[in-house]
Amino acid sequence: MAAVGSKRKHSLVDYKNLNALSSVVLYDTARKVKGKFFEVDRLIEKRKVGHNKEYLVKWTGWPMHACSWEPEDHLTPDLLRTYEKPPKPNSYQLELAGRHFYHAMLTSVKGKSAAPVDVQIDFDVQRYL
């Protein structure tokens, strides 16, 4: 039985403000970033491992021997799109690649060495050719 004359205590909680809060504010459910992220210079090659695709990634500021195979889900859709449909190189890039090739072949023909010739051609031009 309730006691006669007992009063209900007022709560210290402001229910209007509590109701206005969002669960996003109360709980941070965002995915935590673990590890470091590095900038991708370009995708060089693609291979299939099982049912998944992996891409050989050239990292910006790192030498070619530091390239690594990364799964498709680690890369952005824009990056994958530029690999599948590369942009056409401009006329300056094509002319520069032609001059490098001409100079390397001329040096090889004039020399007496049977060593292989290394020609510096941009990756975009190489994929275009």
N, C-alpha and C. Protein backbone atom coordinates (compact mmCIF):
# COMPACT_ATOMS: atom_id res chain seq x y z
N MET A 1 0.83 -1.18 0.00
CA MET A 1 0.00 0.00 0.00
C MET A 1 0.87 1.23 0.00
N ALA A 2 0.38 2.20 -0.64
CA ALA A 2 1.11 3.46 -0.72
C ALA A 2 0.86 4.27 0.53
N ALA A 3 1.91 4.90 0.95
CA ALA A 3 1.79 5.73 2.15
C ALA A 3 1.06 7.01 1.80
N VAL A 4 0.22 7.42 2.72
CA VAL A 4 -0.55 8.63 2.51
C VAL A 4 0.38 9.81 2.66
N GLY A 5 0.30 10.71 1.70
CA GLY A 5 1.09 11.92 1.77
C GLY A 5 2.47 11.77 1.15
N SER A 6 2.82 10.60 0.57
CA SER A 6 4.15 10.48 -0.05
C SER A 6 4.12 11.13 -1.43
N LYS A 7 5.16 11.82 -1.69
CA LYS A 7 5.26 12.50 -2.98
C LYS A 7 6.27 11.77 -3.86
N ARG A 8 5.99 11.81 -5.11
CA ARG A 8 6.90 11.20 -6.08
C ARG A 8 8.08 12.14 -6.28
N LYS A 9 9.31 11.58 -6.27
CA LYS A 9 10.49 12.40 -6.45
C LYS A 9 10.63 12.78 -7.92
N HIS A 10 11.05 14.01 -8.15
CA HIS A 10 11.30 14.45 -9.52
C HIS A 10 12.65 13.93 -9.97
N SER A 11 12.70 13.41 -11.17
CA SER A 11 13.97 12.90 -11.68
C SER A 11 14.84 14.05 -12.17
N LEU A 12 16.12 13.81 -12.17
CA LEU A 12 17.08 14.82 -12.61
C LEU A 12 17.39 14.72 -14.10
N VAL A 13 16.71 13.81 -14.80
CA VAL A 13 16.96 13.61 -16.22
C VAL A 13 16.00 14.46 -17.03
N ASP A 14 16.54 15.20 -17.97
CA ASP A 14 15.73 15.99 -18.89
C ASP A 14 15.39 15.11 -20.09
N TYR A 15 14.21 14.51 -20.08
CA TYR A 15 13.86 13.54 -21.10
C TYR A 15 13.70 14.14 -22.49
N LYS A 16 13.35 15.41 -22.57
CA LYS A 16 13.24 16.05 -23.89
C LYS A 16 14.60 16.12 -24.57
N ASN A 17 15.62 16.53 -23.81
CA ASN A 17 16.97 16.59 -24.39
C ASN A 17 17.53 15.19 -24.64
N LEU A 18 17.25 14.26 -23.77
CA LEU A 18 17.73 12.90 -23.94
C LEU A 18 17.14 12.27 -25.19
N ASN A 19 15.86 12.54 -25.46
CA ASN A 19 15.20 11.99 -26.62
C ASN A 19 15.75 12.62 -27.90
N ALA A 20 16.21 13.86 -27.84
CA ALA A 20 16.73 14.55 -29.01
C ALA A 20 18.10 14.05 -29.43
N LEU A 21 18.83 13.40 -28.52
CA LEU A 21 20.14 12.88 -28.87
C LEU A 21 20.02 11.73 -29.85
N SER A 22 20.96 11.64 -30.74
CA SER A 22 20.98 10.56 -31.71
C SER A 22 21.91 9.46 -31.21
N SER A 23 21.66 8.25 -31.62
CA SER A 23 22.53 7.15 -31.23
C SER A 23 23.90 7.31 -31.86
N VAL A 24 23.99 8.05 -32.97
CA VAL A 24 25.28 8.30 -33.60
C VAL A 24 26.15 9.14 -32.68
N VAL A 25 25.53 10.06 -31.98
CA VAL A 25 26.27 10.90 -31.06
C VAL A 25 26.69 10.10 -29.84
N LEU A 26 25.85 9.21 -29.39
CA LEU A 26 26.15 8.43 -28.19
C LEU A 26 27.21 7.37 -28.44
N TYR A 27 27.15 6.71 -29.57
CA TYR A 27 28.05 5.60 -29.86
C TYR A 27 28.76 5.85 -31.18
N ASP A 28 30.07 5.85 -31.16
CA ASP A 28 30.86 6.02 -32.38
C ASP A 28 31.05 4.64 -33.00
N THR A 29 30.27 4.35 -34.03
CA THR A 29 30.33 3.04 -34.67
C THR A 29 31.14 3.06 -35.95
N ALA A 30 31.85 4.16 -36.22
CA ALA A 30 32.64 4.24 -37.44
C ALA A 30 33.77 3.23 -37.41
N ARG A 31 34.14 2.77 -38.58
CA ARG A 31 35.21 1.80 -38.71
C ARG A 31 36.54 2.47 -38.34
N LYS A 32 37.26 1.84 -37.48
CA LYS A 32 38.54 2.39 -37.05
C LYS A 32 39.60 2.11 -38.11
N VAL A 33 40.40 3.11 -38.41
CA VAL A 33 41.47 2.96 -39.39
C VAL A 33 42.68 2.37 -38.69
N LYS A 34 43.15 1.27 -39.23
CA LYS A 34 44.33 0.63 -38.66
C LYS A 34 45.45 0.67 -39.69
N GLY A 35 46.64 0.97 -39.25
CA GLY A 35 47.78 0.99 -40.15
C GLY A 35 47.88 2.30 -40.92
N LYS A 36 48.87 2.34 -41.79
CA LYS A 36 49.11 3.53 -42.59
C LYS A 36 48.54 3.35 -43.98
N PHE A 37 48.20 4.47 -44.61
CA PHE A 37 47.75 4.46 -45.99
C PHE A 37 48.82 5.11 -46.85
N PHE A 38 49.09 4.54 -48.00
CA PHE A 38 50.08 5.08 -48.91
C PHE A 38 49.40 5.44 -50.22
N GLU A 39 49.92 6.45 -50.88
CA GLU A 39 49.35 6.92 -52.14
C GLU A 39 49.80 6.01 -53.28
N VAL A 40 48.85 5.66 -54.14
CA VAL A 40 49.13 4.79 -55.28
C VAL A 40 49.55 5.65 -56.46
N ASP A 41 50.68 5.27 -57.08
CA ASP A 41 51.13 5.96 -58.28
C ASP A 41 50.35 5.43 -59.48
N ARG A 42 50.33 4.10 -59.62
CA ARG A 42 49.59 3.47 -60.72
C ARG A 42 49.46 1.98 -60.49
N LEU A 43 48.54 1.38 -61.22
CA LEU A 43 48.40 -0.08 -61.23
C LEU A 43 49.15 -0.59 -62.46
N ILE A 44 50.00 -1.58 -62.24
CA ILE A 44 50.87 -2.05 -63.32
C ILE A 44 50.32 -3.30 -63.99
N GLU A 45 49.85 -4.24 -63.21
CA GLU A 45 49.44 -5.54 -63.74
C GLU A 45 48.26 -6.08 -62.96
N LYS A 46 47.54 -7.03 -63.56
CA LYS A 46 46.41 -7.68 -62.90
C LYS A 46 46.59 -9.19 -62.99
N ARG A 47 46.22 -9.90 -61.92
CA ARG A 47 46.26 -11.35 -61.94
C ARG A 47 45.05 -11.87 -61.18
N LYS A 48 44.69 -13.13 -61.47
CA LYS A 48 43.56 -13.75 -60.80
C LYS A 48 44.08 -14.82 -59.85
N VAL A 49 43.68 -14.71 -58.59
CA VAL A 49 44.07 -15.69 -57.57
C VAL A 49 42.79 -16.29 -57.03
N GLY A 50 42.53 -17.52 -57.42
CA GLY A 50 41.26 -18.15 -57.02
C GLY A 50 40.10 -17.44 -57.72
N HIS A 51 39.16 -16.95 -56.93
CA HIS A 51 38.03 -16.21 -57.49
C HIS A 51 38.23 -14.71 -57.37
N ASN A 52 39.36 -14.29 -56.85
CA ASN A 52 39.61 -12.86 -56.63
C ASN A 52 40.67 -12.34 -57.59
N LYS A 53 40.64 -11.01 -57.80
CA LYS A 53 41.64 -10.35 -58.64
C LYS A 53 42.59 -9.59 -57.74
N GLU A 54 43.87 -9.58 -58.13
CA GLU A 54 44.88 -8.80 -57.44
C GLU A 54 45.57 -7.90 -58.45
N TYR A 55 46.00 -6.75 -57.99
CA TYR A 55 46.65 -5.78 -58.86
C TYR A 55 48.04 -5.46 -58.31
N LEU A 56 49.01 -5.36 -59.22
CA LEU A 56 50.36 -4.97 -58.85
C LEU A 56 50.38 -3.45 -58.74
N VAL A 57 50.66 -2.95 -57.54
CA VAL A 57 50.56 -1.52 -57.24
C VAL A 57 51.95 -0.91 -57.17
N LYS A 58 52.13 0.19 -57.91
CA LYS A 58 53.35 1.01 -57.81
C LYS A 58 53.00 2.15 -56.87
N TRP A 59 53.72 2.25 -55.75
CA TRP A 59 53.45 3.25 -54.74
C TRP A 59 54.19 4.54 -55.05
N THR A 60 53.56 5.67 -54.80
CA THR A 60 54.17 6.98 -55.05
C THR A 60 55.35 7.18 -54.09
N GLY A 61 56.50 7.56 -54.67
CA GLY A 61 57.68 7.82 -53.86
C GLY A 61 58.48 6.59 -53.48
N TRP A 62 58.07 5.42 -53.95
CA TRP A 62 58.77 4.18 -53.64
C TRP A 62 59.37 3.61 -54.92
N PRO A 63 60.50 2.89 -54.84
CA PRO A 63 61.12 2.32 -56.05
C PRO A 63 60.29 1.15 -56.60
N MET A 64 60.63 0.74 -57.81
CA MET A 64 59.87 -0.33 -58.47
C MET A 64 59.94 -1.66 -57.71
N HIS A 65 61.03 -1.93 -57.01
CA HIS A 65 61.12 -3.21 -56.31
C HIS A 65 60.23 -3.23 -55.06
N ALA A 66 59.62 -2.10 -54.71
CA ALA A 66 58.72 -2.04 -53.56
C ALA A 66 57.26 -2.23 -53.97
N CYS A 67 57.00 -2.53 -55.24
CA CYS A 67 55.63 -2.77 -55.70
C CYS A 67 55.07 -4.00 -54.99
N SER A 68 53.76 -4.04 -54.79
CA SER A 68 53.15 -5.18 -54.11
C SER A 68 51.81 -5.53 -54.75
N TRP A 69 51.42 -6.80 -54.60
CA TRP A 69 50.13 -7.27 -55.09
C TRP A 69 49.09 -6.97 -54.02
N GLU A 70 48.04 -6.26 -54.41
CA GLU A 70 46.97 -5.90 -53.49
C GLU A 70 45.64 -6.44 -54.01
N PRO A 71 44.77 -6.94 -53.11
CA PRO A 71 43.45 -7.42 -53.55
C PRO A 71 42.59 -6.27 -54.06
N GLU A 72 41.64 -6.63 -54.89
CA GLU A 72 40.78 -5.65 -55.54
C GLU A 72 40.01 -4.79 -54.53
N ASP A 73 39.59 -5.36 -53.41
CA ASP A 73 38.78 -4.61 -52.45
C ASP A 73 39.60 -3.60 -51.64
N HIS A 74 40.93 -3.60 -51.77
CA HIS A 74 41.76 -2.60 -51.11
C HIS A 74 41.92 -1.33 -51.95
N LEU A 75 41.41 -1.35 -53.20
CA LEU A 75 41.61 -0.25 -54.13
C LEU A 75 40.29 0.47 -54.41
N THR A 76 40.39 1.73 -54.77
CA THR A 76 39.18 2.52 -55.04
C THR A 76 38.64 2.22 -56.43
N PRO A 77 37.34 2.41 -56.63
CA PRO A 77 36.75 2.18 -57.96
C PRO A 77 37.35 3.08 -59.05
N ASP A 78 37.71 4.32 -58.70
CA ASP A 78 38.33 5.21 -59.69
C ASP A 78 39.67 4.68 -60.16
N LEU A 79 40.44 4.16 -59.24
CA LEU A 79 41.75 3.61 -59.58
C LEU A 79 41.60 2.37 -60.48
N LEU A 80 40.64 1.53 -60.18
CA LEU A 80 40.39 0.34 -61.00
C LEU A 80 39.91 0.73 -62.39
N ARG A 81 39.09 1.77 -62.46
CA ARG A 81 38.56 2.24 -63.75
C ARG A 81 39.69 2.78 -64.63
N THR A 82 40.65 3.50 -64.04
CA THR A 82 41.76 4.02 -64.85
C THR A 82 42.68 2.91 -65.33
N TYR A 83 42.71 1.78 -64.62
CA TYR A 83 43.50 0.64 -65.09
C TYR A 83 42.79 -0.05 -66.25
N GLU A 84 41.49 -0.27 -66.12
CA GLU A 84 40.74 -0.98 -67.15
C GLU A 84 40.61 -0.15 -68.43
N LYS A 85 40.42 1.15 -68.29
CA LYS A 85 40.29 2.04 -69.45
C LYS A 85 41.28 3.19 -69.30
N PRO A 86 42.55 2.95 -69.65
CA PRO A 86 43.56 3.98 -69.44
C PRO A 86 43.33 5.18 -70.37
N PRO A 87 43.70 6.37 -69.91
CA PRO A 87 43.56 7.54 -70.77
C PRO A 87 44.59 7.49 -71.89
N LYS A 88 44.22 8.04 -73.04
CA LYS A 88 45.12 8.08 -74.19
C LYS A 88 46.22 9.10 -73.91
N PRO A 89 47.49 8.70 -74.11
CA PRO A 89 48.58 9.66 -73.87
C PRO A 89 48.53 10.79 -74.89
N ASN A 90 49.00 11.96 -74.46
CA ASN A 90 48.97 13.10 -75.38
C ASN A 90 50.11 12.99 -76.39
N SER A 91 50.12 13.86 -77.37
CA SER A 91 51.10 13.78 -78.45
C SER A 91 52.53 14.01 -77.94
N TYR A 92 52.69 14.84 -76.92
CA TYR A 92 54.03 15.07 -76.37
C TYR A 92 54.60 13.79 -75.77
N GLN A 93 53.79 13.05 -75.03
CA GLN A 93 54.25 11.80 -74.43
C GLN A 93 54.62 10.78 -75.50
N LEU A 94 53.82 10.71 -76.56
CA LEU A 94 54.12 9.77 -77.64
C LEU A 94 55.40 10.17 -78.36
N GLU A 95 55.58 11.45 -78.62
CA GLU A 95 56.79 11.92 -79.30
C GLU A 95 58.04 11.67 -78.44
N LEU A 96 57.93 11.92 -77.15
CA LEU A 96 59.05 11.70 -76.24
C LEU A 96 59.42 10.21 -76.18
N ALA A 97 58.43 9.34 -76.14
CA ALA A 97 58.69 7.90 -76.14
C ALA A 97 59.36 7.47 -77.43
N GLY A 98 58.92 8.04 -78.55
CA GLY A 98 59.54 7.72 -79.84
C GLY A 98 60.98 8.16 -79.90
N ARG A 99 61.28 9.34 -79.35
CA ARG A 99 62.66 9.83 -79.34
C ARG A 99 63.55 8.95 -78.45
N HIS A 100 63.03 8.55 -77.30
CA HIS A 100 63.80 7.66 -76.41
C HIS A 100 64.09 6.33 -77.11
N PHE A 101 63.09 5.80 -77.79
CA PHE A 101 63.26 4.54 -78.49
C PHE A 101 64.29 4.67 -79.61
N TYR A 102 64.17 5.75 -80.39
CA TYR A 102 65.10 5.99 -81.50
C TYR A 102 66.53 6.13 -80.99
N HIS A 103 66.70 6.91 -79.93
CA HIS A 103 68.05 7.12 -79.37
C HIS A 103 68.64 5.81 -78.84
N ALA A 104 67.84 5.00 -78.16
CA ALA A 104 68.33 3.72 -77.62
C ALA A 104 68.71 2.77 -78.74
N MET A 105 67.91 2.70 -79.80
CA MET A 105 68.23 1.80 -80.91
C MET A 105 69.46 2.27 -81.67
N LEU A 106 69.60 3.58 -81.87
CA LEU A 106 70.76 4.13 -82.56
C LEU A 106 72.04 3.86 -81.78
N THR A 107 71.98 4.01 -80.46
CA THR A 107 73.13 3.72 -79.61
C THR A 107 73.48 2.25 -79.67
N SER A 108 72.50 1.40 -79.71
CA SER A 108 72.73 -0.04 -79.76
C SER A 108 73.36 -0.46 -81.09
N VAL A 109 72.90 0.12 -82.18
CA VAL A 109 73.41 -0.24 -83.51
C VAL A 109 74.85 0.26 -83.68
N LYS A 110 75.13 1.45 -83.17
CA LYS A 110 76.47 2.01 -83.31
C LYS A 110 77.48 1.33 -82.40
N GLY A 111 77.04 0.81 -81.27
CA GLY A 111 77.95 0.17 -80.32
C GLY A 111 78.31 -1.24 -80.73
N LYS A 112 79.37 -1.77 -80.13
CA LYS A 112 79.82 -3.12 -80.44
C LYS A 112 79.34 -4.14 -79.42
N SER A 113 78.62 -3.67 -78.41
CA SER A 113 78.17 -4.55 -77.34
C SER A 113 76.90 -5.29 -77.74
N ALA A 114 76.78 -6.51 -77.25
CA ALA A 114 75.58 -7.30 -77.50
C ALA A 114 74.64 -7.28 -76.29
N ALA A 115 74.88 -6.34 -75.40
CA ALA A 115 74.06 -6.24 -74.19
C ALA A 115 72.65 -5.77 -74.54
N PRO A 116 71.67 -6.17 -73.73
CA PRO A 116 70.30 -5.71 -73.98
C PRO A 116 70.19 -4.19 -73.82
N VAL A 117 69.23 -3.62 -74.53
CA VAL A 117 69.03 -2.17 -74.52
C VAL A 117 67.85 -1.84 -73.63
N ASP A 118 68.03 -0.85 -72.78
CA ASP A 118 66.97 -0.39 -71.89
C ASP A 118 66.41 0.92 -72.44
N VAL A 119 65.11 0.93 -72.71
CA VAL A 119 64.45 2.12 -73.24
C VAL A 119 63.48 2.64 -72.19
N GLN A 120 63.62 3.91 -71.83
CA GLN A 120 62.74 4.54 -70.85
C GLN A 120 61.47 5.05 -71.53
N ILE A 121 60.37 4.34 -71.33
CA ILE A 121 59.07 4.73 -71.89
C ILE A 121 58.07 4.80 -70.74
N ASP A 122 57.28 5.84 -70.73
CA ASP A 122 56.27 6.05 -69.70
C ASP A 122 55.27 4.88 -69.71
N PHE A 123 54.77 4.51 -68.52
CA PHE A 123 53.82 3.39 -68.42
C PHE A 123 52.55 3.64 -69.23
N ASP A 124 52.05 4.87 -69.24
CA ASP A 124 50.84 5.17 -70.01
C ASP A 124 51.04 4.92 -71.49
N VAL A 125 52.19 5.31 -72.00
CA VAL A 125 52.49 5.10 -73.42
C VAL A 125 52.68 3.62 -73.69
N GLN A 126 53.34 2.93 -72.79
CA GLN A 126 53.58 1.49 -72.95
C GLN A 126 52.25 0.73 -72.99
N ARG A 127 51.32 1.09 -72.14
CA ARG A 127 50.01 0.41 -72.15
C ARG A 127 49.23 0.75 -73.40
N TYR A 128 49.41 1.97 -73.90
CA TYR A 128 48.72 2.39 -75.12
C TYR A 128 49.24 1.64 -76.33
N LEU A 129 50.55 1.42 -76.38
CA LEU A 129 51.16 0.71 -77.51
C LEU A 129 50.83 -0.75 -77.44
